[in-house]
Amino acid sequence: MSDNTLSQEQVLVGGWSPYHPLTAEEKAIFDEAMKGLLGVVYTPQQVSTQVVAGMNYRYKCLAQMPPAEVVWEAIVEIYKPLKGQPIVTHISRI
């Protein structure tokens, strides 16, 4: 049986998971961290996660600065502590 999902035991502690489609929870974390960010609009396409004291997320996004029609790819990194709000830690164009 192969369904592209990994159990907790299959992901190395501290290692990044393979990129996968966002769950509703991962999308909510992205939206919460990006709230109030002005200028570039980031649309997440996939996410990779890393278990730390909390959780790190790397979102592969399409980025655009309206009203321009130019679109590029970017990685938005977000840290979600065990307690508290998620925060954007880094954004890089790829």
C-alpha atoms as a PDB file:
ATOM      1  CA  MET A   1       0.000   0.000   0.000  1.00  0.00           C
ATOM      2  CA  SER A   2       1.588   3.277  -1.132  1.00  0.00           C
ATOM      3  CA  ASP A   3      -0.157   6.578  -0.465  1.00  0.00           C
ATOM      4  CA  ASN A   4       2.770   9.084  -0.262  1.00  0.00           C
ATOM      5  CA  THR A   5       2.132   9.796   3.432  1.00  0.00           C
ATOM      6  CA  LEU A   6       4.854   9.347   6.002  1.00  0.00           C
ATOM      7  CA  SER A   7       4.425   8.138   9.538  1.00  0.00           C
ATOM      8  CA  GLN A   8       6.166   9.976  12.367  1.00  0.00           C
ATOM      9  CA  GLU A   9       8.765   7.183  12.486  1.00  0.00           C
ATOM     10  CA  GLN A  10       9.674   7.628   8.800  1.00  0.00           C
ATOM     11  CA  VAL A  11      10.675  11.295   9.197  1.00  0.00           C
ATOM     12  CA  LEU A  12      14.007  11.890  10.899  1.00  0.00           C
ATOM     13  CA  VAL A  13      13.813  14.169  13.907  1.00  0.00           C
ATOM     14  CA  GLY A  14      15.122  17.538  12.748  1.00  0.00           C
ATOM     15  CA  GLY A  15      14.822  16.515   9.087  1.00  0.00           C
ATOM     16  CA  TRP A  16      12.541  18.149   6.544  1.00  0.00           C
ATOM     17  CA  SER A  17       9.587  16.197   5.179  1.00  0.00           C
ATOM     18  CA  PRO A  18       9.095  15.925   1.409  1.00  0.00           C
ATOM     19  CA  TYR A  19       6.963  18.715  -0.087  1.00  0.00           C
ATOM     20  CA  HIS A  20       3.264  17.851  -0.137  1.00  0.00           C
ATOM     21  CA  PRO A  21      -0.095  19.580  -0.744  1.00  0.00           C
ATOM     22  CA  LEU A  22      -1.237  21.756   2.150  1.00  0.00           C
ATOM     23  CA  THR A  23      -3.669  20.495   4.739  1.00  0.00           C
ATOM     24  CA  ALA A  24      -6.344  22.845   6.056  1.00  0.00           C
ATOM     25  CA  GLU A  25      -4.276  23.329   9.243  1.00  0.00           C
ATOM     26  CA  GLU A  26      -1.097  24.181   7.281  1.00  0.00           C
ATOM     27  CA  LYS A  27      -3.049  26.690   5.176  1.00  0.00           C
ATOM     28  CA  ALA A  28      -4.469  28.299   8.337  1.00  0.00           C
ATOM     29  CA  ILE A  29      -0.953  28.616   9.824  1.00  0.00           C
ATOM     30  CA  PHE A  30       0.260  30.255   6.590  1.00  0.00           C
ATOM     31  CA  ASP A  31      -2.679  32.686   6.554  1.00  0.00           C
ATOM     32  CA  GLU A  32      -2.184  33.622  10.208  1.00  0.00           C
ATOM     33  CA  ALA A  33       1.556  34.271   9.806  1.00  0.00           C
ATOM     34  CA  MET A  34       1.076  36.321   6.606  1.00  0.00           C
ATOM     35  CA  LYS A  35      -1.732  38.474   8.049  1.00  0.00           C
ATOM     36  CA  GLY A  36      -0.842  42.143   7.654  1.00  0.00           C
ATOM     37  CA  LEU A  37       1.923  41.563   5.096  1.00  0.00           C
ATOM     38  CA  LEU A  38       1.528  44.184   2.366  1.00  0.00           C
ATOM     39  CA  GLY A  39       2.900  44.381  -1.179  1.00  0.00           C
ATOM     40  CA  VAL A  40       3.626  40.931  -2.575  1.00  0.00           C
ATOM     41  CA  VAL A  41       0.827  38.345  -2.611  1.00  0.00           C
ATOM     42  CA  TYR A  42       2.035  34.813  -1.836  1.00  0.00           C
ATOM     43  CA  THR A  43      -0.097  31.821  -2.813  1.00  0.00           C
ATOM     44  CA  PRO A  44       1.136  28.573  -1.210  1.00  0.00           C
ATOM     45  CA  GLN A  45       1.310  25.530  -3.481  1.00  0.00           C
ATOM     46  CA  GLN A  46       3.151  22.941  -1.355  1.00  0.00           C
ATOM     47  CA  VAL A  47       4.726  22.689   2.100  1.00  0.00           C
ATOM     48  CA  SER A  48       7.580  20.875   3.812  1.00  0.00           C
ATOM     49  CA  THR A  49       7.747  20.581   7.610  1.00  0.00           C
ATOM     50  CA  GLN A  50      10.454  20.150  10.233  1.00  0.00           C
ATOM     51  CA  VAL A  51       9.801  19.135  13.829  1.00  0.00           C
ATOM     52  CA  VAL A  52      11.707  21.343  16.287  1.00  0.00           C
ATOM     53  CA  ALA A  53      10.609  22.895  19.583  1.00  0.00           C
ATOM     54  CA  GLY A  54       7.440  23.708  17.671  1.00  0.00           C
ATOM     55  CA  MET A  55       7.315  23.333  13.897  1.00  0.00           C
ATOM     56  CA  ASN A  56       9.112  24.906  10.954  1.00  0.00           C
ATOM     57  CA  TYR A  57       7.307  25.195   7.619  1.00  0.00           C
ATOM     58  CA  ARG A  58       8.705  25.864   4.144  1.00  0.00           C
ATOM     59  CA  TYR A  59       5.921  26.898   1.809  1.00  0.00           C
ATOM     60  CA  LYS A  60       6.587  26.827  -1.951  1.00  0.00           C
ATOM     61  CA  CYS A  61       4.559  29.754  -3.224  1.00  0.00           C
ATOM     62  CA  LEU A  62       3.640  31.635  -6.334  1.00  0.00           C
ATOM     63  CA  ALA A  63       4.315  35.321  -5.762  1.00  0.00           C
ATOM     64  CA  GLN A  64       2.913  38.388  -7.479  1.00  0.00           C
ATOM     65  CA  MET A  65       2.914  42.126  -6.829  1.00  0.00           C
ATOM     66  CA  PRO A  66      -0.467  43.390  -8.090  1.00  0.00           C
ATOM     67  CA  PRO A  67      -1.353  44.967 -10.420  1.00  0.00           C
ATOM     68  CA  ALA A  68       1.688  43.562 -12.304  1.00  0.00           C
ATOM     69  CA  GLU A  69       1.128  40.286 -14.107  1.00  0.00           C
ATOM     70  CA  VAL A  70       4.645  38.979 -13.402  1.00  0.00           C
ATOM     71  CA  VAL A  71       4.602  35.813 -11.291  1.00  0.00           C
ATOM     72  CA  TRP A  72       7.612  34.131  -9.676  1.00  0.00           C
ATOM     73  CA  GLU A  73       8.236  31.346  -7.197  1.00  0.00           C
ATOM     74  CA  ALA A  74       9.295  31.916  -3.607  1.00  0.00           C
ATOM     75  CA  ILE A  75       9.883  29.985  -0.410  1.00  0.00           C
ATOM     76  CA  VAL A  76       8.178  31.397   2.674  1.00  0.00           C
ATOM     77  CA  GLU A  77       9.588  30.011   5.920  1.00  0.00           C
ATOM     78  CA  ILE A  78       7.380  30.124   9.000  1.00  0.00           C
ATOM     79  CA  TYR A  79       8.055  29.053  12.583  1.00  0.00           C
ATOM     80  CA  LYS A  80       5.112  27.926  14.737  1.00  0.00           C
ATOM     81  CA  PRO A  81       6.093  27.684  18.421  1.00  0.00           C
ATOM     82  CA  LEU A  82       4.428  25.164  20.720  1.00  0.00           C
ATOM     83  CA  LYS A  83       2.448  28.050  22.218  1.00  0.00           C
ATOM     84  CA  GLY A  84       1.824  31.324  20.453  1.00  0.00           C
ATOM     85  CA  GLN A  85       1.416  32.742  16.979  1.00  0.00           C
ATOM     86  CA  PRO A  86       3.302  31.566  13.873  1.00  0.00           C
ATOM     87  CA  ILE A  87       5.837  34.045  12.493  1.00  0.00           C
ATOM     88  CA  VAL A  88       7.489  34.507   9.106  1.00  0.00           C
ATOM     89  CA  THR A  89      11.231  33.921   9.530  1.00  0.00           C
ATOM     90  CA  HIS A  90      12.430  34.229   5.930  1.00  0.00           C
ATOM     91  CA  ILE A  91      11.199  34.754   2.379  1.00  0.00           C
ATOM     92  CA  SER A  92      13.406  33.970  -0.617  1.00  0.00           C
ATOM     93  CA  ARG A  93      12.809  34.123  -4.346  1.00  0.00           C
ATOM     94  CA  ILE A  94      13.613  30.900  -6.229  1.00  0.00           C
END
